[in-house]
Amino acid sequence: MNIQTYQLSLDFEQILNLVRQLPFIEQEKIRQEIEKANREQKLNSFLSDFYTDEISLAEITAEVEAVRSDIYSQQQNHV
């Protein structure tokens, strides 16, 4: 079986028209793939926004412990 690939130039309306002609189950698969791509893009954007080499795990742990200690101290003072 020989598979040939063709490339078409379609605008948004043409693509939308083609998708609307598909059975519901195939439209749903396309929707899921688009949502998956969007989630991956958002996650990558989020990770790149917060990625840094400026703080170590030890510094994060020390800060977390300091906050926990403050919270515990406040709870003890209100009891």
N, C-alpha and C. Protein backbone atom coordinates (compact mmCIF):
# COMPACT_ATOMS: atom_id res chain seq x y z
N MET A 1 0.84 -1.18 0.00
CA MET A 1 0.00 0.00 0.00
C MET A 1 0.88 1.24 0.00
N ASN A 2 0.70 2.09 -0.95
CA ASN A 2 1.49 3.31 -1.10
C ASN A 2 0.70 4.49 -0.56
N ILE A 3 1.25 5.15 0.47
CA ILE A 3 0.58 6.30 1.07
C ILE A 3 1.24 7.56 0.56
N GLN A 4 0.42 8.45 0.04
CA GLN A 4 0.92 9.73 -0.43
C GLN A 4 0.43 10.83 0.49
N THR A 5 1.24 11.84 0.66
CA THR A 5 0.90 12.96 1.52
C THR A 5 0.71 14.21 0.67
N TYR A 6 -0.34 14.94 0.95
CA TYR A 6 -0.62 16.19 0.26
C TYR A 6 -0.74 17.30 1.28
N GLN A 7 -0.36 18.49 0.89
CA GLN A 7 -0.49 19.63 1.77
C GLN A 7 -1.48 20.61 1.15
N LEU A 8 -2.45 21.03 1.98
CA LEU A 8 -3.48 21.95 1.51
C LEU A 8 -3.41 23.25 2.30
N SER A 9 -3.73 24.33 1.65
CA SER A 9 -3.84 25.61 2.35
C SER A 9 -5.32 25.87 2.59
N LEU A 10 -5.70 25.79 3.85
CA LEU A 10 -7.10 25.99 4.22
C LEU A 10 -7.18 27.11 5.25
N ASP A 11 -8.22 27.93 5.14
CA ASP A 11 -8.42 28.95 6.17
C ASP A 11 -9.28 28.36 7.29
N PHE A 12 -9.47 29.14 8.33
CA PHE A 12 -10.20 28.68 9.50
C PHE A 12 -11.61 28.21 9.15
N GLU A 13 -12.32 28.97 8.36
CA GLU A 13 -13.70 28.62 8.02
C GLU A 13 -13.77 27.30 7.25
N GLN A 14 -12.81 27.05 6.39
CA GLN A 14 -12.80 25.79 5.64
C GLN A 14 -12.55 24.61 6.57
N ILE A 15 -11.63 24.79 7.49
CA ILE A 15 -11.34 23.72 8.46
C ILE A 15 -12.57 23.48 9.34
N LEU A 16 -13.17 24.54 9.81
CA LEU A 16 -14.36 24.42 10.65
C LEU A 16 -15.48 23.70 9.90
N ASN A 17 -15.66 24.02 8.65
CA ASN A 17 -16.67 23.37 7.83
C ASN A 17 -16.38 21.88 7.70
N LEU A 18 -15.12 21.52 7.50
CA LEU A 18 -14.76 20.10 7.40
C LEU A 18 -15.03 19.37 8.71
N VAL A 19 -14.64 20.00 9.83
CA VAL A 19 -14.85 19.37 11.14
C VAL A 19 -16.33 19.16 11.41
N ARG A 20 -17.15 20.12 11.02
CA ARG A 20 -18.59 19.99 11.25
C ARG A 20 -19.21 18.86 10.44
N GLN A 21 -18.55 18.45 9.40
CA GLN A 21 -19.05 17.34 8.57
C GLN A 21 -18.71 15.98 9.17
N LEU A 22 -17.81 15.96 10.12
CA LEU A 22 -17.40 14.70 10.74
C LEU A 22 -18.47 14.20 11.70
N PRO A 23 -18.49 12.90 11.95
CA PRO A 23 -19.39 12.36 12.98
C PRO A 23 -19.00 12.92 14.35
N PHE A 24 -19.98 12.96 15.24
CA PHE A 24 -19.76 13.55 16.56
C PHE A 24 -18.54 12.95 17.27
N ILE A 25 -18.37 11.64 17.20
CA ILE A 25 -17.28 10.99 17.92
C ILE A 25 -15.92 11.48 17.42
N GLU A 26 -15.80 11.74 16.14
CA GLU A 26 -14.54 12.26 15.60
C GLU A 26 -14.36 13.73 15.96
N GLN A 27 -15.45 14.48 16.00
CA GLN A 27 -15.36 15.87 16.47
C GLN A 27 -14.88 15.89 17.91
N GLU A 28 -15.38 14.97 18.71
CA GLU A 28 -14.98 14.89 20.12
C GLU A 28 -13.49 14.55 20.24
N LYS A 29 -13.00 13.67 19.41
CA LYS A 29 -11.57 13.34 19.43
C LYS A 29 -10.72 14.56 19.09
N ILE A 30 -11.18 15.33 18.11
CA ILE A 30 -10.45 16.55 17.74
C ILE A 30 -10.46 17.54 18.90
N ARG A 31 -11.62 17.70 19.55
CA ARG A 31 -11.72 18.59 20.71
C ARG A 31 -10.75 18.17 21.81
N GLN A 32 -10.69 16.87 22.08
CA GLN A 32 -9.80 16.37 23.12
C GLN A 32 -8.34 16.62 22.77
N GLU A 33 -7.98 16.45 21.52
CA GLU A 33 -6.59 16.70 21.10
C GLU A 33 -6.23 18.18 21.23
N ILE A 34 -7.17 19.05 20.89
CA ILE A 34 -6.93 20.49 21.02
C ILE A 34 -6.78 20.85 22.49
N GLU A 35 -7.64 20.31 23.35
CA GLU A 35 -7.54 20.58 24.79
C GLU A 35 -6.22 20.06 25.35
N LYS A 36 -5.79 18.90 24.91
CA LYS A 36 -4.52 18.33 25.36
C LYS A 36 -3.36 19.24 24.96
N ALA A 37 -3.38 19.71 23.73
CA ALA A 37 -2.32 20.61 23.26
C ALA A 37 -2.33 21.91 24.06
N ASN A 38 -3.52 22.43 24.37
CA ASN A 38 -3.63 23.66 25.16
C ASN A 38 -3.10 23.46 26.57
N ARG A 39 -3.43 22.32 27.19
CA ARG A 39 -2.92 22.04 28.54
C ARG A 39 -1.40 21.95 28.54
N GLU A 40 -0.85 21.27 27.55
CA GLU A 40 0.60 21.13 27.47
C GLU A 40 1.27 22.49 27.28
N GLN A 41 0.68 23.34 26.44
CA GLN A 41 1.23 24.66 26.21
C GLN A 41 1.16 25.51 27.48
N LYS A 42 0.03 25.46 28.19
CA LYS A 42 -0.11 26.22 29.42
C LYS A 42 0.86 25.73 30.49
N LEU A 43 1.02 24.41 30.60
CA LEU A 43 1.94 23.85 31.58
C LEU A 43 3.37 24.28 31.27
N ASN A 44 3.77 24.18 30.01
CA ASN A 44 5.12 24.59 29.64
C ASN A 44 5.35 26.07 29.90
N SER A 45 4.34 26.89 29.62
CA SER A 45 4.45 28.32 29.89
C SER A 45 4.57 28.57 31.39
N PHE A 46 3.74 27.89 32.17
CA PHE A 46 3.78 28.02 33.62
C PHE A 46 5.14 27.62 34.16
N LEU A 47 5.65 26.48 33.72
CA LEU A 47 6.94 26.00 34.20
C LEU A 47 8.07 26.94 33.83
N SER A 48 8.04 27.48 32.62
CA SER A 48 9.10 28.40 32.22
C SER A 48 9.03 29.71 32.99
N ASP A 49 7.81 30.13 33.38
CA ASP A 49 7.67 31.35 34.16
C ASP A 49 8.27 31.20 35.56
N PHE A 50 8.16 30.01 36.13
CA PHE A 50 8.58 29.82 37.50
C PHE A 50 9.92 29.10 37.66
N TYR A 51 10.52 28.65 36.55
CA TYR A 51 11.80 27.96 36.65
C TYR A 51 12.89 28.96 37.00
N THR A 52 13.71 28.61 37.96
CA THR A 52 14.82 29.48 38.34
C THR A 52 15.93 28.65 38.97
N ASP A 53 17.15 29.11 38.80
CA ASP A 53 18.31 28.49 39.45
C ASP A 53 18.72 29.31 40.67
N GLU A 54 17.92 30.34 41.00
CA GLU A 54 18.33 31.30 42.02
C GLU A 54 18.06 30.83 43.45
N ILE A 55 17.29 29.78 43.63
CA ILE A 55 16.95 29.34 44.98
C ILE A 55 17.13 27.82 45.06
N SER A 56 17.73 27.38 46.13
CA SER A 56 18.01 25.95 46.28
C SER A 56 16.88 25.27 47.06
N LEU A 57 16.88 23.96 47.01
CA LEU A 57 15.89 23.19 47.77
C LEU A 57 16.07 23.43 49.27
N ALA A 58 17.30 23.58 49.71
CA ALA A 58 17.55 23.84 51.13
C ALA A 58 16.94 25.18 51.56
N GLU A 59 17.05 26.19 50.70
CA GLU A 59 16.47 27.50 51.02
C GLU A 59 14.94 27.42 51.06
N ILE A 60 14.37 26.68 50.12
CA ILE A 60 12.91 26.50 50.10
C ILE A 60 12.46 25.80 51.37
N THR A 61 13.16 24.73 51.74
CA THR A 61 12.82 23.97 52.93
C THR A 61 12.93 24.84 54.18
N ALA A 62 13.97 25.64 54.27
CA ALA A 62 14.14 26.52 55.43
C ALA A 62 13.00 27.53 55.51
N GLU A 63 12.59 28.08 54.39
CA GLU A 63 11.48 29.04 54.38
C GLU A 63 10.17 28.37 54.78
N VAL A 64 9.93 27.18 54.26
CA VAL A 64 8.72 26.44 54.62
C VAL A 64 8.69 26.16 56.12
N GLU A 65 9.80 25.74 56.68
CA GLU A 65 9.87 25.46 58.11
C GLU A 65 9.65 26.73 58.93
N ALA A 66 10.17 27.86 58.47
CA ALA A 66 9.98 29.12 59.18
C ALA A 66 8.51 29.51 59.19
N VAL A 67 7.84 29.36 58.07
CA VAL A 67 6.42 29.69 57.99
C VAL A 67 5.61 28.73 58.88
N ARG A 68 5.93 27.47 58.83
CA ARG A 68 5.23 26.50 59.70
C ARG A 68 5.42 26.86 61.17
N SER A 69 6.62 27.24 61.53
CA SER A 69 6.90 27.62 62.91
C SER A 69 6.09 28.84 63.32
N ASP A 70 6.00 29.84 62.44
CA ASP A 70 5.20 31.04 62.71
C ASP A 70 3.73 30.67 62.90
N ILE A 71 3.22 29.84 62.03
CA ILE A 71 1.81 29.43 62.11
C ILE A 71 1.56 28.68 63.42
N TYR A 72 2.46 27.77 63.76
CA TYR A 72 2.31 27.00 65.00
C TYR A 72 2.34 27.93 66.20
N SER A 73 3.25 28.89 66.17
CA SER A 73 3.38 29.85 67.27
C SER A 73 2.11 30.68 67.41
N GLN A 74 1.55 31.12 66.30
CA GLN A 74 0.29 31.90 66.34
C GLN A 74 -0.85 31.07 66.87
N GLN A 75 -0.92 29.81 66.50
CA GLN A 75 -1.98 28.93 66.98
C GLN A 75 -1.86 28.71 68.47
N GLN A 76 -0.65 28.59 68.98
CA GLN A 76 -0.43 28.37 70.40
C GLN A 76 -0.80 29.59 71.21
N ASN A 77 -0.59 30.79 70.65
CA ASN A 77 -0.91 32.04 71.34
C ASN A 77 -2.41 32.30 71.41
N HIS A 78 -3.18 31.69 70.49
CA HIS A 78 -4.62 31.88 70.46
C HIS A 78 -5.38 30.82 71.24
N VAL A 79 -4.69 29.86 71.78
CA VAL A 79 -5.35 28.76 72.50
C VAL A 79 -5.56 29.09 73.94
